[in-house]
N, C-alpha and C. Protein backbone atom coordinates (compact mmCIF):
# COMPACT_ATOMS: atom_id res chain seq x y z
N UNK A 1 31.55 42.13 72.95
CA UNK A 1 30.39 42.14 71.95
C UNK A 1 30.19 43.82 71.57
N UNK A 2 30.48 44.00 70.46
CA UNK A 2 30.06 45.47 69.71
C UNK A 2 28.77 45.42 69.38
N UNK A 3 28.05 47.03 69.73
CA UNK A 3 26.87 47.39 69.00
C UNK A 3 26.77 47.67 67.80
N UNK A 4 25.66 47.25 67.25
CA UNK A 4 25.76 47.65 65.71
C UNK A 4 25.56 49.19 65.42
N UNK A 5 26.00 49.88 64.38
CA UNK A 5 26.19 51.14 64.25
C UNK A 5 24.80 51.15 63.45
N UNK A 6 24.04 52.35 63.54
CA UNK A 6 23.00 52.74 62.93
C UNK A 6 23.77 53.44 61.86
N UNK A 7 22.76 53.36 60.72
CA UNK A 7 23.09 54.60 59.47
C UNK A 7 23.31 55.73 60.10
N UNK A 8 23.77 56.78 59.57
CA UNK A 8 23.81 58.12 59.82
C UNK A 8 22.45 58.29 60.74
N UNK A 9 22.77 58.73 61.82
CA UNK A 9 21.76 59.03 62.71
C UNK A 9 21.00 60.28 62.49
N UNK A 10 19.70 60.42 62.56
CA UNK A 10 19.06 61.62 62.27
C UNK A 10 18.80 62.30 63.60
N UNK A 11 19.19 63.63 63.83
CA UNK A 11 19.38 64.45 64.96
C UNK A 11 18.19 65.09 65.15
N UNK A 12 17.59 64.70 66.49
CA UNK A 12 16.23 65.33 66.97
C UNK A 12 16.80 66.57 68.14
N UNK A 13 15.78 67.43 67.75
CA UNK A 13 16.03 68.54 69.00
C UNK A 13 14.64 68.71 69.51
N UNK A 14 14.74 69.30 70.92
CA UNK A 14 13.83 69.76 71.50
C UNK A 14 13.59 71.44 71.43
N UNK A 15 12.50 71.87 70.94
CA UNK A 15 12.49 73.50 71.18
C UNK A 15 12.27 74.07 72.38
N UNK A 16 13.19 74.69 72.94
CA UNK A 16 13.08 75.51 74.25
C UNK A 16 12.62 76.71 74.47
N UNK A 17 12.50 77.43 73.31
CA UNK A 17 11.94 78.90 73.12
C UNK A 17 11.46 78.79 71.55
N UNK A 18 10.44 79.49 71.53
CA UNK A 18 9.82 79.88 70.29
C UNK A 18 9.58 81.37 69.95
N UNK A 19 10.29 82.02 70.63
CA UNK A 19 10.11 83.44 70.83
C UNK A 19 10.76 84.08 69.35
N UNK A 20 9.53 84.61 68.77
CA UNK A 20 9.78 85.31 67.41
C UNK A 20 9.32 84.35 66.49
N UNK A 21 8.94 83.16 66.60
CA UNK A 21 8.50 82.28 65.77
C UNK A 21 7.48 81.38 66.16
N UNK A 22 6.49 81.82 66.83
CA UNK A 22 5.43 81.45 67.40
C UNK A 22 4.44 80.51 66.23
N UNK A 23 4.80 81.02 65.08
CA UNK A 23 3.89 80.68 63.89
C UNK A 23 4.38 79.21 63.32
N UNK A 24 5.75 79.10 63.54
CA UNK A 24 6.51 77.99 62.69
C UNK A 24 7.16 77.13 64.26
N UNK A 25 7.08 77.72 65.04
CA UNK A 25 7.76 76.30 66.29
C UNK A 25 6.87 76.14 67.28
N UNK A 26 6.67 75.49 68.08
CA UNK A 26 6.04 75.01 69.48
C UNK A 26 7.11 74.68 70.70
N UNK A 27 7.29 75.59 71.72
CA UNK A 27 8.06 75.03 72.73
C UNK A 27 7.76 73.75 73.33
N UNK A 28 8.72 72.88 73.36
CA UNK A 28 8.63 71.72 74.29
C UNK A 28 8.33 70.67 73.30
N UNK A 29 8.42 71.24 71.96
CA UNK A 29 8.01 69.95 70.78
C UNK A 29 9.40 69.37 70.04
N UNK A 30 9.25 68.44 69.88
CA UNK A 30 10.46 67.57 69.26
C UNK A 30 10.49 67.63 67.53
N UNK A 31 11.67 68.12 67.13
CA UNK A 31 11.58 68.39 65.75
C UNK A 31 13.10 67.69 65.17
N UNK A 32 12.77 67.55 63.79
CA UNK A 32 14.21 66.67 63.28
C UNK A 32 15.04 67.89 62.71
N UNK A 33 16.33 67.85 63.00
CA UNK A 33 17.43 68.67 62.46
C UNK A 33 18.20 68.14 61.46
N UNK A 34 18.28 68.97 60.48
CA UNK A 34 19.40 68.69 59.21
C UNK A 34 20.81 68.95 59.52
N UNK A 35 21.52 68.10 59.02
CA UNK A 35 22.99 68.58 58.98
C UNK A 35 23.03 69.85 58.06
N UNK A 36 23.79 70.87 58.62
CA UNK A 36 24.23 72.20 58.09
C UNK A 36 25.14 72.65 58.46
N UNK A 37 26.66 72.28 58.10
CA UNK A 37 27.76 72.60 58.99
C UNK A 37 27.92 74.17 58.70
N UNK A 38 27.70 74.83 57.49
CA UNK A 38 27.64 76.28 57.20
C UNK A 38 26.98 77.03 58.33
N UNK A 39 25.68 76.70 58.54
CA UNK A 39 24.78 77.45 59.56
C UNK A 39 25.12 77.26 60.71
N UNK A 40 25.75 75.97 61.03
CA UNK A 40 26.46 75.78 62.47
C UNK A 40 27.42 76.99 62.95
N UNK A 41 28.25 77.21 61.95
CA UNK A 41 29.46 78.11 62.00
C UNK A 41 28.78 79.42 62.47
N UNK A 42 27.66 79.74 61.86
CA UNK A 42 26.71 80.95 62.29
C UNK A 42 25.93 81.00 63.52
N UNK A 43 25.93 79.64 64.25
CA UNK A 43 25.21 79.45 65.48
C UNK A 43 23.63 79.41 65.01
N UNK A 44 23.44 78.88 63.88
CA UNK A 44 22.22 78.41 63.26
C UNK A 44 21.93 76.99 63.31
N UNK A 45 20.85 76.56 63.61
CA UNK A 45 20.36 74.93 63.04
C UNK A 45 19.57 74.94 62.26
N UNK A 46 19.34 73.78 61.33
CA UNK A 46 18.13 73.54 60.30
C UNK A 46 17.38 72.46 60.83
N UNK A 47 16.04 73.16 60.97
CA UNK A 47 14.99 72.39 61.60
C UNK A 47 13.92 72.06 60.46
N UNK A 48 13.23 70.86 60.72
CA UNK A 48 12.01 70.84 59.92
C UNK A 48 10.99 71.15 60.69
N UNK A 49 10.21 72.25 60.64
CA UNK A 49 9.21 73.03 61.34
C UNK A 49 7.96 72.38 61.24
N UNK A 50 6.91 73.09 61.84
CA UNK A 50 5.57 72.88 61.83
C UNK A 50 4.82 73.17 60.54
N UNK A 51 5.73 73.83 59.49
CA UNK A 51 5.35 73.81 57.83
C UNK A 51 5.68 72.55 57.29
N UNK A 52 6.62 71.75 57.50
CA UNK A 52 7.19 70.58 56.95
C UNK A 52 8.47 70.74 56.19
N UNK A 53 8.85 71.95 56.20
CA UNK A 53 9.77 72.35 55.43
C UNK A 53 11.02 72.60 56.33
N UNK A 54 12.32 72.74 55.81
CA UNK A 54 13.05 73.24 56.58
C UNK A 54 13.62 74.51 56.50
N UNK A 55 14.02 74.84 57.76
CA UNK A 55 14.43 76.50 57.83
C UNK A 55 15.74 76.77 59.02
N UNK A 56 16.36 77.71 59.00
CA UNK A 56 17.44 78.02 60.02
C UNK A 56 16.86 78.74 60.93
N UNK A 57 17.32 78.48 62.22
CA UNK A 57 16.81 79.21 63.49
C UNK A 57 18.05 79.39 64.29
N UNK A 58 17.89 80.00 65.03
CA UNK A 58 18.73 80.21 66.02
C UNK A 58 19.31 79.01 66.95
N UNK A 59 20.36 78.37 67.00
CA UNK A 59 20.58 76.99 67.66
C UNK A 59 20.54 77.52 69.31
N UNK A 60 20.39 78.68 69.70
CA UNK A 60 20.00 78.55 71.04
C UNK A 60 18.54 78.37 71.66
N UNK A 61 17.77 78.03 70.57
CA UNK A 61 16.38 77.83 70.81
C UNK A 61 15.96 76.21 70.80
N UNK A 62 17.16 75.39 70.67
CA UNK A 62 16.89 74.00 70.70
C UNK A 62 18.10 73.23 71.67
N UNK A 63 17.67 72.04 71.85
CA UNK A 63 18.65 71.05 72.73
C UNK A 63 18.47 70.13 71.95
N UNK A 64 19.55 69.27 71.53
CA UNK A 64 19.68 68.10 71.01
C UNK A 64 19.27 66.98 72.14
N UNK A 65 18.42 65.86 71.54
CA UNK A 65 18.24 65.01 72.35
C UNK A 65 18.38 63.48 71.73
N UNK A 66 18.63 62.40 72.55
CA UNK A 66 18.51 61.17 72.20
C UNK A 66 17.38 60.25 72.05
N UNK A 67 16.88 59.70 71.24
CA UNK A 67 15.43 59.12 71.36
C UNK A 67 15.94 57.62 71.01
N UNK A 68 15.18 56.67 71.71
CA UNK A 68 15.31 55.28 71.40
C UNK A 68 14.88 54.91 70.12
N UNK A 69 15.56 54.10 69.71
CA UNK A 69 15.63 53.47 68.15
C UNK A 69 13.95 53.15 67.58
N UNK A 70 13.29 52.65 68.52
CA UNK A 70 11.91 52.43 68.42
C UNK A 70 10.92 53.57 67.91
N UNK A 71 11.54 54.46 69.00
CA UNK A 71 10.57 55.76 68.45
C UNK A 71 11.02 56.60 67.29
N UNK A 72 12.43 56.38 67.02
CA UNK A 72 12.85 56.90 65.82
C UNK A 72 12.37 56.44 64.62
N UNK A 73 12.25 55.28 64.47
CA UNK A 73 11.69 54.10 63.74
C UNK A 73 10.12 54.66 63.13
N UNK A 74 9.31 55.05 64.29
CA UNK A 74 7.82 55.52 64.41
C UNK A 74 7.79 56.79 63.77
N UNK A 75 8.77 57.89 64.18
CA UNK A 75 9.05 59.08 63.48
C UNK A 75 9.03 58.84 61.95
N UNK A 76 9.99 58.07 61.85
CA UNK A 76 10.37 58.11 60.20
C UNK A 76 9.03 57.42 59.39
N UNK A 77 8.25 56.60 59.97
CA UNK A 77 7.03 55.90 59.48
C UNK A 77 6.27 56.80 59.10
N UNK A 78 6.00 57.86 60.10
CA UNK A 78 4.77 58.90 59.99
C UNK A 78 5.29 59.72 59.19
N UNK A 79 6.48 59.92 58.89
CA UNK A 79 6.86 61.44 57.78
C UNK A 79 6.54 60.91 56.40
């Protein structure tokens, strides 16, 4: 039996440091990350922050996490 694949998965990250970005990031908060291969080459990550806009931040400030599908659906409804 094969598992059904979801459409392109939204990536979620948790902020492990907001140093220098206290106004736009909260430590230990989960954020949505958007694909940006060019940014990744420069050790940056594109994150939808507290303002609701996406910005580039140093990737070392985040850790990618897996979330249950039910939680992902809830996040998408809230957006």
